[in-house]
């Protein structure tokens, strides 16, 4: 298959894919991969296969094609191709919750400075790295990366990237419980979709609606949450977007649990768990298991709650997801307090405070914890964040956290 024929077949596959004929598109692209003698064409078709498998939640296949693409890039001996293939390798590992590998591949991308494509891709690299740091609950570095990605988006007038970063910032602020910002950023993403997204994939609309649903649920605006989640789920079902279906099912379950409708929540959690397991979203599985634990606690089935939470703890430890572990210790504390098991209770109280210290989840001004309840937060330029009211009351001549770190003995 020559260069022109390769190009024609890739375009044919794209047309099929955009018409929701995904399996036909995949067959066309696989034929190109098998028969084309054009390395640049093979590189491009591998990019199409990586994107398609990412959207279907076939993350192991996504990784497989990303590895082949690296070899093709080396064959082409072109730094631009190599940068792009390392980004795809980073994104594949991010989807599989291999966060340390993601960060490592992102750093490789950023070290390849001076290539034409690196200047265009640095925003996407920063976004992927931010998502990985968030998966590890390293909040300051995550925020730093998201803000870099946002700067790249603004400088390049890249509205799609800005939309994706806004959704990640929504997720970031959901985790540290500033629910006003958790809602503001996906609303901003939805505005970008309405203003600029006429030719975009519907996944951008679905993504912003899902993140709005999560924020509304946390704020107790359950009717709004249900409306946004239903719209997101509708698009996810139309496009066979399994990862988003799993997240929507989790959100539906959380909404029902918030209404104390445990019987309706349980099957939604089960369906979400099934898809999360199938696609390998272990971070999502932790959220499902925490939700199931809370349902058992509502029903006062404390032994069943402990069974779920042990699985969540195992996953969180395996991923290095410190916020997941903090939530595990918090729920265990409540369970063992009710069961009046003092030794286990003390053990989880100690571990809970160790997690808070490790993640620096406290305000460097008032010393109170961050992420325990809904609170307005404000980040300084160094990406350390504080209670907004503390900054307004005390003002700041530099970051107190950075000052403390600089005087730690042996600090490098």
Protein backbone atom coordinates (compact mmCIF):
# COMPACT_ATOMS: atom_id res chain seq x y z
CA UNK A 1 0.00 0.00 0.00
CA UNK A 2 1.58 3.30 -1.16
CA UNK A 3 1.54 6.73 0.45
CA UNK A 4 -1.56 8.06 -1.36
CA UNK A 5 -3.56 4.88 -0.78
CA UNK A 6 -2.57 4.90 2.91
CA UNK A 7 -3.77 8.50 3.24
CA UNK A 8 -7.05 7.67 1.49
CA UNK A 9 -7.72 4.66 3.77
CA UNK A 10 -6.95 6.68 6.93
CA UNK A 11 -9.48 9.34 5.84
CA UNK A 12 -12.03 6.61 5.06
CA UNK A 13 -11.56 5.22 8.59
CA UNK A 14 -11.97 8.69 10.10
CA UNK A 15 -15.21 9.22 8.20
CA UNK A 16 -16.57 5.87 9.47
CA UNK A 17 -15.44 6.66 13.02
CA UNK A 18 -17.13 10.07 13.00
CA UNK A 19 -20.31 8.37 11.71
CA UNK A 20 -20.29 6.12 14.81
CA UNK A 21 -19.23 3.04 12.78
CA UNK A 22 -16.34 2.38 15.13
CA UNK A 23 -15.73 -1.32 14.44
CA UNK A 24 -15.66 -0.73 10.66
CA UNK A 25 -13.22 2.15 11.17
CA UNK A 26 -10.96 -0.06 13.28
CA UNK A 27 -10.93 -2.77 10.57
CA UNK A 28 -9.93 -0.19 7.92
CA UNK A 29 -7.12 1.19 10.12
CA UNK A 30 -5.84 -2.29 11.03
CA UNK A 31 -5.59 -3.15 7.31
CA UNK A 32 -3.53 0.01 6.76
CA UNK A 33 -1.26 -0.99 9.65
CA UNK A 34 -0.73 -4.46 8.17
CA UNK A 35 -0.22 -3.43 4.54
CA UNK A 36 1.21 0.10 4.42
CA UNK A 37 4.90 0.57 3.63
CA UNK A 38 4.75 4.29 4.52
CA UNK A 39 6.15 4.87 8.06
CA UNK A 40 4.56 8.34 8.40
CA UNK A 41 1.18 6.88 7.37
CA UNK A 42 1.62 4.03 9.86
CA UNK A 43 2.40 6.59 12.58
CA UNK A 44 -0.77 8.51 11.81
CA UNK A 45 -2.97 5.41 11.70
CA UNK A 46 -1.54 4.31 15.06
CA UNK A 47 -2.60 7.73 16.41
CA UNK A 48 -6.15 7.06 15.18
CA UNK A 49 -6.15 3.60 16.81
CA UNK A 50 -4.83 5.02 20.10
CA UNK A 51 -7.57 7.71 20.21
CA UNK A 52 -10.35 5.25 19.31
CA UNK A 53 -9.30 2.68 21.91
CA UNK A 54 -8.97 5.44 24.55
CA UNK A 55 -12.56 6.58 23.93
CA UNK A 56 -13.86 2.99 24.08
CA UNK A 57 -12.02 2.33 27.34
CA UNK A 58 -9.80 -0.37 25.81
CA UNK A 59 -6.79 1.00 27.63
CA UNK A 60 -4.56 -2.07 27.34
CA UNK A 61 -4.97 -1.98 23.54
CA UNK A 62 -4.33 1.76 23.64
CA UNK A 63 -1.03 1.07 25.42
CA UNK A 64 -0.14 -1.69 22.95
CA UNK A 65 -0.54 0.67 19.97
CA UNK A 66 1.34 3.46 21.81
CA UNK A 67 4.35 1.13 22.23
CA UNK A 68 4.25 0.25 18.47
CA UNK A 69 4.02 3.99 17.70
CA UNK A 70 7.22 4.69 19.69
CA UNK A 71 9.06 2.12 17.51
CA UNK A 72 7.63 3.74 14.35
CA UNK A 73 8.74 7.19 15.56
CA UNK A 74 12.28 5.88 16.13
CA UNK A 75 12.24 4.41 12.62
CA UNK A 76 11.27 7.85 11.26
CA UNK A 77 14.15 9.46 13.24
CA UNK A 78 12.07 12.58 13.84
CA UNK A 79 11.92 14.33 17.25
CA UNK A 80 8.38 15.65 16.57
CA UNK A 81 7.03 12.13 16.04
CA UNK A 82 8.91 10.88 19.11
CA UNK A 83 7.44 13.62 21.33
CA UNK A 84 3.91 12.80 20.18
CA UNK A 85 4.40 9.06 20.72
CA UNK A 86 5.75 9.61 24.27
CA UNK A 87 2.66 11.72 25.05
CA UNK A 88 0.44 8.84 23.85
CA UNK A 89 2.44 6.45 26.04
CA UNK A 90 1.96 8.83 29.00
CA UNK A 91 -1.79 9.09 28.35
CA UNK A 92 -2.15 5.29 28.05
CA UNK A 93 -0.49 4.82 31.43
CA UNK A 94 -2.60 7.61 32.94
CA UNK A 95 -5.79 5.79 31.83
CA UNK A 96 -4.45 2.55 33.38
CA UNK A 97 -3.74 4.47 36.64
CA UNK A 98 0.03 3.89 36.32
CA UNK A 99 0.69 7.39 37.57
CA UNK A 100 4.44 7.22 38.23
CA UNK A 101 5.02 5.95 34.67
CA UNK A 102 2.79 8.74 33.33
CA UNK A 103 4.86 11.39 35.10
CA UNK A 104 8.10 9.83 33.85
CA UNK A 105 6.93 9.79 30.19
CA UNK A 106 5.59 13.36 30.50
CA UNK A 107 8.99 14.52 31.76
CA UNK A 108 10.60 12.81 28.74
CA UNK A 109 8.26 14.83 26.48
CA UNK A 110 9.07 18.10 28.21
CA UNK A 111 12.81 17.40 27.93
CA UNK A 112 12.48 17.19 24.13
CA UNK A 113 12.41 20.97 23.82
CA UNK A 114 12.91 22.76 20.54
CA UNK A 115 10.78 20.50 18.36
CA UNK A 116 7.93 22.13 16.46
CA UNK A 117 5.32 19.76 17.82
CA UNK A 118 6.53 19.95 21.44
CA UNK A 119 5.46 23.59 21.59
CA UNK A 120 1.94 22.54 20.53
CA UNK A 121 1.81 19.46 22.77
CA UNK A 122 3.30 20.87 26.00
CA UNK A 123 -0.18 21.87 27.19
CA UNK A 124 -1.48 18.32 26.75
CA UNK A 125 1.65 16.95 28.46
CA UNK A 126 1.11 19.29 31.44
CA UNK A 127 -2.55 18.23 31.63
CA UNK A 128 -1.68 14.51 31.64
CA UNK A 129 1.01 15.09 34.28
CA UNK A 130 -1.47 17.08 36.41
CA UNK A 131 -4.00 14.24 36.23
CA UNK A 132 -1.29 11.79 37.33
CA UNK A 133 -0.23 13.97 40.30
CA UNK A 134 -3.91 14.27 41.24
CA UNK A 135 -4.21 10.46 41.11
CA UNK A 136 -1.33 10.31 43.62
CA UNK A 137 -2.96 13.11 45.72
CA UNK A 138 0.06 15.41 45.26
CA UNK A 139 -2.16 18.47 45.10
CA UNK A 140 0.33 21.34 44.82
CA UNK A 141 2.11 19.74 41.83
CA UNK A 142 -1.22 18.82 40.23
CA UNK A 143 -2.43 22.42 40.45
CA UNK A 144 0.91 23.69 39.12
CA UNK A 145 0.57 21.43 36.05
CA UNK A 146 -3.07 22.40 35.42
CA UNK A 147 -2.19 26.08 35.57
CA UNK A 148 0.68 25.52 33.10
CA UNK A 149 -1.69 23.66 30.78
CA UNK A 150 -4.17 26.53 31.03
CA UNK A 151 -1.44 29.03 30.13
CA UNK A 152 -0.52 26.97 27.04
CA UNK A 153 -4.21 26.80 26.07
CA UNK A 154 -4.57 30.58 26.35
CA UNK A 155 -1.30 31.34 24.56
CA UNK A 156 -2.18 29.02 21.64
CA UNK A 157 -5.90 29.92 21.68
CA UNK A 158 -6.60 26.18 22.08
CA UNK A 159 -10.21 26.06 23.29
CA UNK A 160 -10.40 22.24 23.28
CA UNK A 161 -7.41 22.01 25.64
CA UNK A 162 -8.89 24.77 27.82
CA UNK A 163 -12.13 22.78 28.04
CA UNK A 164 -10.28 19.62 29.15
CA UNK A 165 -8.19 21.53 31.72
CA UNK A 166 -11.35 23.13 33.16
CA UNK A 167 -12.84 19.64 33.66
CA UNK A 168 -9.65 18.46 35.42
CA UNK A 169 -9.71 21.57 37.64
CA UNK A 170 -13.33 20.74 38.47
CA UNK A 171 -12.16 17.28 39.58
CA UNK A 172 -9.26 18.84 41.53
CA UNK A 173 -11.51 21.18 43.53
CA UNK A 174 -14.08 18.41 44.09
CA UNK A 175 -11.35 16.38 45.80
CA UNK A 176 -10.25 19.18 48.13
CA UNK A 177 -13.89 20.23 48.73
CA UNK A 178 -14.12 23.73 47.33
CA UNK A 179 -17.43 22.95 45.65
CA UNK A 180 -17.99 26.47 44.29
CA UNK A 181 -14.82 26.16 42.18
CA UNK A 182 -15.66 22.49 41.48
CA UNK A 183 -18.82 23.79 39.77
CA UNK A 184 -17.31 26.96 38.26
CA UNK A 185 -14.69 25.17 36.12
CA UNK A 186 -16.95 22.59 34.40
CA UNK A 187 -19.52 25.39 33.84
CA UNK A 188 -16.71 27.29 32.10
CA UNK A 189 -15.98 24.14 30.05
CA UNK A 190 -19.68 23.92 29.07
CA UNK A 191 -19.56 27.59 27.98
CA UNK A 192 -16.54 26.85 25.77
CA UNK A 193 -18.42 23.94 24.18
CA UNK A 194 -21.45 26.18 23.49
CA UNK A 195 -19.34 29.03 22.09
CA UNK A 196 -16.70 27.15 20.10
CA UNK A 197 -17.65 23.48 20.00
CA UNK A 198 -19.84 23.27 16.90
CA UNK A 199 -17.31 21.06 15.09
CA UNK A 200 -16.01 19.28 18.21
CA UNK A 201 -16.70 15.74 19.28
CA UNK A 202 -19.76 15.49 21.56
CA UNK A 203 -17.49 13.96 24.21
CA UNK A 204 -16.51 17.51 25.27
CA UNK A 205 -20.14 18.35 26.05
CA UNK A 206 -20.62 15.03 27.83
CA UNK A 207 -17.44 15.53 29.86
CA UNK A 208 -18.41 19.03 31.07
CA UNK A 209 -21.95 17.87 31.96
CA UNK A 210 -20.59 14.94 33.98
CA UNK A 211 -18.26 17.17 36.03
CA UNK A 212 -21.10 19.65 36.62
CA UNK A 213 -23.25 16.73 37.83
CA UNK A 214 -20.59 15.71 40.38
CA UNK A 215 -20.32 19.27 41.73
CA UNK A 216 -24.10 19.66 41.95
CA UNK A 217 -24.34 16.35 43.84
CA UNK A 218 -21.71 17.51 46.34
CA UNK A 219 -23.58 20.82 46.79
CA UNK A 220 -26.82 18.92 47.47
CA UNK A 221 -28.47 20.24 44.29
CA UNK A 222 -29.61 16.74 43.37
CA UNK A 223 -32.20 17.60 40.68
CA UNK A 224 -29.55 19.64 38.79
CA UNK A 225 -27.05 16.81 39.27
CA UNK A 226 -29.52 14.28 37.82
CA UNK A 227 -30.26 16.48 34.77
CA UNK A 228 -26.57 16.96 33.91
CA UNK A 229 -25.72 13.30 34.52
CA UNK A 230 -28.61 12.13 32.31
CA UNK A 231 -27.41 14.34 29.46
CA UNK A 232 -23.85 13.07 29.83
CA UNK A 233 -25.01 9.43 29.97
CA UNK A 234 -27.15 9.87 26.85
CA UNK A 235 -24.11 11.01 24.82
CA UNK A 236 -21.91 8.29 26.36
CA UNK A 237 -24.41 5.59 25.31
CA UNK A 238 -24.76 7.01 21.78
CA UNK A 239 -20.99 6.95 21.28
CA UNK A 240 -20.16 3.71 23.10
CA UNK A 241 -18.03 5.67 25.59
CA UNK A 242 -17.62 2.99 28.26
CA UNK A 243 -15.37 5.03 30.62
CA UNK A 244 -17.89 7.86 30.79
CA UNK A 245 -20.80 5.42 31.22
CA UNK A 246 -19.03 4.00 34.29
CA UNK A 247 -18.52 7.49 35.77
CA UNK A 248 -22.14 8.48 35.11
CA UNK A 249 -23.41 5.29 36.78
CA UNK A 250 -21.21 6.12 39.80
CA UNK A 251 -22.66 9.65 39.88
CA UNK A 252 -26.25 8.33 39.62
CA UNK A 253 -25.52 5.97 42.53
CA UNK A 254 -24.09 8.83 44.63
CA UNK A 255 -27.19 10.96 43.91
CA UNK A 256 -29.50 8.11 45.05
CA UNK A 257 -27.34 7.57 48.15
CA UNK A 258 -27.60 11.31 48.94
CA UNK A 259 -31.38 10.83 48.84
CA UNK A 260 -30.96 7.85 51.22
CA UNK A 261 -32.40 5.63 48.44
CA UNK A 262 -29.89 2.83 49.04
CA UNK A 263 -31.88 0.16 47.16
CA UNK A 264 -31.66 2.20 43.94
CA UNK A 265 -28.00 3.14 44.56
CA UNK A 266 -26.66 -0.42 44.97
CA UNK A 267 -27.40 -1.68 41.39
CA UNK A 268 -25.90 1.54 39.94
CA UNK A 269 -22.73 0.98 41.95
CA UNK A 270 -22.65 -2.66 40.76
CA UNK A 271 -22.99 -1.64 37.08
CA UNK A 272 -20.31 1.04 37.47
CA UNK A 273 -18.00 -1.43 39.22
CA UNK A 274 -18.44 -3.94 36.41
CA UNK A 275 -17.36 -1.43 33.70
CA UNK A 276 -14.56 0.05 35.85
CA UNK A 277 -13.16 -3.47 36.34
CA UNK A 278 -13.48 -4.26 32.60
CA UNK A 279 -11.59 -1.10 31.50
CA UNK A 280 -9.05 -1.06 34.36
CA UNK A 281 -10.06 2.21 36.06
CA UNK A 282 -8.81 1.37 39.55
CA UNK A 283 -9.15 4.97 40.73
CA UNK A 284 -12.84 4.84 39.79
CA UNK A 285 -13.19 1.49 41.60
CA UNK A 286 -11.98 3.12 44.84
CA UNK A 287 -14.79 5.72 44.53
CA UNK A 288 -17.36 2.99 43.86
CA UNK A 289 -16.26 0.96 46.89
CA UNK A 290 -16.34 4.04 49.14
CA UNK A 291 -19.89 4.75 47.95
CA UNK A 292 -20.93 1.13 48.61
CA UNK A 293 -19.37 1.36 52.10
CA UNK A 294 -21.46 4.46 52.88
CA UNK A 295 -24.61 2.64 51.73
CA UNK A 296 -23.91 -0.27 54.07
CA UNK A 297 -23.30 2.24 56.88
CA UNK A 298 -26.70 3.88 56.20
CA UNK A 299 -28.21 0.41 56.58
CA UNK A 300 -26.11 -0.17 59.74
CA UNK A 301 -24.54 -3.29 58.12
CA UNK A 302 -21.10 -2.50 59.56
CA UNK A 303 -19.40 -5.83 58.76
CA UNK A 304 -20.41 -5.54 55.10
CA UNK A 305 -19.16 -1.93 55.15
CA UNK A 306 -15.79 -3.17 56.41
CA UNK A 307 -15.60 -5.76 53.61
CA UNK A 308 -16.02 -3.03 50.96
CA UNK A 309 -13.62 -0.66 52.63
CA UNK A 310 -10.87 -3.28 52.87
CA UNK A 311 -11.01 -3.68 49.07
CA UNK A 312 -10.87 0.11 48.66
CA UNK A 313 -7.85 0.29 50.97
CA UNK A 314 -6.02 -2.41 49.02
CA UNK A 315 -6.58 -0.55 45.73
CA UNK A 316 -5.62 2.86 47.19
CA UNK A 317 -2.39 1.43 48.63
CA UNK A 318 -1.58 -0.22 45.29
CA UNK A 319 -2.09 3.04 43.36
CA UNK A 320 -0.49 5.34 45.92
CA UNK A 321 -3.77 7.29 46.09
CA UNK A 322 -3.35 9.02 49.46
CA UNK A 323 -6.74 10.78 49.44
CA UNK A 324 -8.43 7.39 48.96
CA UNK A 325 -6.53 6.09 51.99
CA UNK A 326 -7.52 9.15 54.04
CA UNK A 327 -11.19 8.51 53.22
CA UNK A 328 -10.76 4.83 54.14
CA UNK A 329 -9.32 5.75 57.57
CA UNK A 330 -12.06 8.35 58.12
CA UNK A 331 -14.85 5.82 57.41
CA UNK A 332 -13.11 3.09 59.44
CA UNK A 333 -12.89 5.51 62.37
CA UNK A 334 -16.66 6.01 62.23
CA UNK A 335 -17.35 2.27 61.90
CA UNK A 336 -15.08 1.24 64.80
CA UNK A 337 -16.43 4.09 66.98
CA UNK A 338 -19.93 2.67 66.47
CA UNK A 339 -18.67 -0.89 67.12
CA UNK A 340 -16.81 0.42 70.24
CA UNK A 341 -13.55 -1.26 69.17
CA UNK A 342 -11.09 1.18 70.74
CA UNK A 343 -7.78 -0.29 69.52
CA UNK A 344 -8.86 -0.32 65.84
CA UNK A 345 -10.40 3.15 66.27
CA UNK A 346 -7.10 4.60 67.60
CA UNK A 347 -5.14 2.94 64.80
CA UNK A 348 -7.25 4.60 62.09
CA UNK A 349 -7.23 8.01 63.85
CA UNK A 350 -3.40 7.95 63.83
CA UNK A 351 -3.26 6.87 60.16
CA UNK A 352 -5.82 9.53 59.21
CA UNK A 353 -3.64 12.30 60.69
CA UNK A 354 -0.53 10.84 59.01
CA UNK A 355 -2.33 11.11 55.64
CA UNK A 356 -3.35 14.74 56.33
CA UNK A 357 0.30 15.61 57.15
CA UNK A 358 1.67 13.78 54.13
CA UNK A 359 -0.71 15.53 51.72
CA UNK A 360 -0.34 18.91 53.50
CA UNK A 361 -4.14 19.10 53.66
CA UNK A 362 -4.23 21.92 56.15
CA UNK A 363 -4.21 25.70 55.87
CA UNK A 364 -0.72 27.11 56.51
CA UNK A 365 -2.30 30.19 58.14
CA UNK A 366 -4.92 28.90 60.57
CA UNK A 367 -3.72 25.29 60.83
CA UNK A 368 -7.25 23.94 60.24
CA UNK A 369 -7.70 21.00 57.85
CA UNK A 370 -8.58 21.41 54.17
CA UNK A 371 -10.85 18.91 52.47
CA UNK A 372 -12.86 17.99 55.57
CA UNK A 373 -15.86 20.13 54.60
CA UNK A 374 -16.90 22.48 51.80
CA UNK A 375 -14.70 25.59 52.03
CA UNK A 376 -13.66 28.40 49.67
CA UNK A 377 -9.96 28.06 48.91
CA UNK A 378 -7.45 30.28 47.14
CA UNK A 379 -4.11 29.27 45.62
CA UNK A 380 -1.04 31.52 45.64
CA UNK A 381 1.28 31.70 42.56
CA UNK A 382 3.37 28.85 44.06
CA UNK A 383 0.21 26.62 43.91
CA UNK A 384 -0.03 26.19 47.71
CA UNK A 385 -3.65 26.81 48.67
CA UNK A 386 -5.27 28.29 51.78
CA UNK A 387 -8.70 29.16 53.11
CA UNK A 388 -9.87 32.24 51.22
CA UNK A 389 -11.02 33.84 54.49
CA UNK A 390 -7.52 33.39 56.00
CA UNK A 391 -5.87 35.15 53.04
CA UNK A 392 -8.44 37.95 53.21
CA UNK A 393 -7.99 38.35 56.98
CA UNK A 394 -4.20 38.01 57.23
CA UNK A 395 -3.02 39.03 53.77
CA UNK A 396 0.30 37.51 52.70
CA UNK A 397 3.82 38.71 51.98
CA UNK A 398 4.81 35.42 50.42
CA UNK A 399 3.69 31.86 51.01
CA UNK A 400 3.97 30.62 54.64
CA UNK A 401 4.25 27.01 53.40
CA UNK A 402 7.19 27.85 51.10
CA UNK A 403 8.89 29.75 53.95
CA UNK A 404 8.53 26.73 56.25
CA UNK A 405 9.90 24.34 53.61
CA UNK A 406 12.95 26.54 52.98
CA UNK A 407 14.08 26.24 56.62
CA UNK A 408 13.58 22.49 56.99
CA UNK A 409 16.94 20.87 57.90
CA UNK A 410 18.36 18.97 54.95
CA UNK A 411 15.65 20.25 52.61
CA UNK A 412 16.74 20.07 48.98
